[in-house]
């Protein structure tokens, strides 16, 4: 989890959790969620700063790909695109960012979230 703090108050946070791609166990994947901001502090660049940092951190951790569910207009500025990876989510909003170029080329897989998410 990464947080944005100002004057001792947390104004935003973002998390990365482990994600596996069925039929692609060689890939190290992360799920980005949630990106959360205090409503009074939106449109100040905090969410963008958190996303840039989560991408840098993920690269540093050696992840190959990040996936998320969100507004394509916002996330495309960070290189996310509609994912061809099959999922139970609305394909308009399920997106990925390859941190290792071409790692999803020819991959036909389904995302499997950490077990804690399956109980929700």
Protein backbone atom coordinates (compact mmCIF):
# COMPACT_ATOMS: atom_id res chain seq x y z
CA UNK A 1 0.00 0.00 0.00
CA UNK A 2 1.20 3.49 -0.85
CA UNK A 3 -0.23 6.58 0.79
CA UNK A 4 -0.16 10.30 0.10
CA UNK A 5 0.14 12.27 3.30
CA UNK A 6 -0.01 16.01 3.87
CA UNK A 7 0.44 17.68 7.27
CA UNK A 8 0.02 14.34 9.02
CA UNK A 9 -3.24 13.49 7.23
CA UNK A 10 -3.58 10.69 4.69
CA UNK A 11 -5.31 12.15 1.62
CA UNK A 12 -5.03 9.16 -0.70
CA UNK A 13 -3.89 5.59 -0.99
CA UNK A 14 -3.45 2.82 -3.52
CA UNK A 15 -2.79 -0.89 -3.10
CA UNK A 16 -1.26 -3.64 -5.17
CA UNK A 17 -2.24 -7.21 -4.43
CA UNK A 18 -0.99 -10.43 -5.93
CA UNK A 19 -2.76 -11.60 -9.04
CA UNK A 20 -2.19 -14.81 -10.94
CA UNK A 21 -3.05 -15.47 -14.54
CA UNK A 22 -4.37 -18.96 -15.05
CA UNK A 23 -2.33 -20.64 -17.80
CA UNK A 24 0.44 -18.04 -17.42
CA UNK A 25 2.10 -18.92 -14.08
CA UNK A 26 5.45 -17.57 -15.28
CA UNK A 27 4.16 -13.99 -15.17
CA UNK A 28 4.43 -11.90 -12.01
CA UNK A 29 1.23 -9.89 -11.87
CA UNK A 30 -0.35 -7.31 -9.60
CA UNK A 31 -3.88 -6.01 -9.19
CA UNK A 32 -4.16 -2.28 -8.53
CA UNK A 33 -7.09 -1.45 -6.25
CA UNK A 34 -8.33 0.57 -4.71
CA UNK A 35 -7.06 3.98 -5.67
CA UNK A 36 -8.81 6.13 -3.09
CA UNK A 37 -8.73 9.87 -2.43
CA UNK A 38 -10.44 12.13 0.06
CA UNK A 39 -13.17 13.83 -2.00
CA UNK A 40 -12.11 17.33 -0.96
CA UNK A 41 -8.62 16.69 -2.38
CA UNK A 42 -9.49 15.25 -5.78
CA UNK A 43 -8.28 16.95 -8.97
CA UNK A 44 -5.02 18.04 -7.29
CA UNK A 45 -2.83 15.41 -8.94
CA UNK A 46 -2.68 13.14 -5.90
CA UNK A 47 -4.22 10.17 -7.71
CA UNK A 48 -1.84 10.64 -10.62
CA UNK A 49 1.15 10.84 -8.28
CA UNK A 50 0.04 7.63 -6.56
CA UNK A 51 -0.39 5.85 -9.89
CA UNK A 52 3.05 6.92 -11.13
CA UNK A 53 4.56 5.68 -7.87
CA UNK A 54 2.69 2.37 -7.92
CA UNK A 55 3.99 1.73 -11.44
CA UNK A 56 7.57 2.54 -10.40
CA UNK A 57 7.26 0.37 -7.30
CA UNK A 58 5.82 -2.51 -9.34
CA UNK A 59 8.71 -2.30 -11.80
CA UNK A 60 11.12 -2.35 -8.85
CA UNK A 61 9.41 -5.46 -7.50
CA UNK A 62 9.94 -7.17 -10.86
CA UNK A 63 6.27 -7.43 -11.79
CA UNK A 64 5.49 -8.14 -15.43
CA UNK A 65 1.98 -6.74 -15.61
CA UNK A 66 -0.54 -4.69 -13.63
CA UNK A 67 -4.29 -5.15 -14.00
CA UNK A 68 -7.13 -3.00 -12.75
CA UNK A 69 -10.78 -2.22 -13.08
CA UNK A 70 -11.44 1.47 -13.65
CA UNK A 71 -12.19 4.45 -15.85
CA UNK A 72 -10.27 4.04 -19.12
CA UNK A 73 -10.01 7.81 -19.65
CA UNK A 74 -8.03 8.22 -16.42
CA UNK A 75 -5.84 5.12 -16.58
CA UNK A 76 -4.84 5.41 -20.26
CA UNK A 77 -2.63 8.36 -19.30
CA UNK A 78 -0.44 5.85 -17.44
CA UNK A 79 -0.32 3.37 -20.34
CA UNK A 80 -3.17 1.07 -19.30
CA UNK A 81 -5.35 -0.30 -22.07
CA UNK A 82 -8.38 -2.53 -22.41
CA UNK A 83 -7.22 -6.02 -21.65
CA UNK A 84 -7.65 -8.97 -23.96
CA UNK A 85 -7.23 -11.20 -20.90
CA UNK A 86 -10.52 -12.98 -20.31
CA UNK A 87 -12.18 -12.00 -17.05
CA UNK A 88 -15.53 -11.88 -15.31
CA UNK A 89 -15.36 -8.09 -15.35
CA UNK A 90 -16.81 -5.65 -17.86
CA UNK A 91 -14.25 -5.59 -20.70
CA UNK A 92 -14.71 -1.83 -21.08
CA UNK A 93 -13.15 -1.31 -17.64
CA UNK A 94 -10.79 -4.26 -17.15
CA UNK A 95 -7.36 -2.99 -18.17
CA UNK A 96 -3.71 -3.95 -18.04
CA UNK A 97 -0.29 -2.36 -18.28
CA UNK A 98 2.62 -4.48 -19.46
CA UNK A 99 5.68 -3.64 -17.40
CA UNK A 100 7.60 -6.25 -19.38
CA UNK A 101 7.00 -5.42 -23.04
CA UNK A 102 5.10 -8.11 -24.91
CA UNK A 103 4.58 -10.33 -21.87
CA UNK A 104 0.87 -10.78 -22.64
CA UNK A 105 1.35 -11.38 -26.35
CA UNK A 106 -0.40 -14.62 -27.27
CA UNK A 107 -1.45 -15.19 -23.64
CA UNK A 108 -4.93 -16.60 -23.23
CA UNK A 109 -5.44 -16.54 -19.49
CA UNK A 110 -7.91 -15.64 -16.77
CA UNK A 111 -7.02 -13.52 -13.72
CA UNK A 112 -7.21 -15.20 -10.32
CA UNK A 113 -7.23 -12.80 -7.39
CA UNK A 114 -5.79 -13.53 -3.97
CA UNK A 115 -8.03 -15.91 -1.98
CA UNK A 116 -9.20 -13.15 0.38
CA UNK A 117 -11.08 -11.51 -2.50
CA UNK A 118 -13.07 -14.65 -3.33
CA UNK A 119 -14.92 -14.56 -0.01
CA UNK A 120 -16.43 -11.14 -0.74
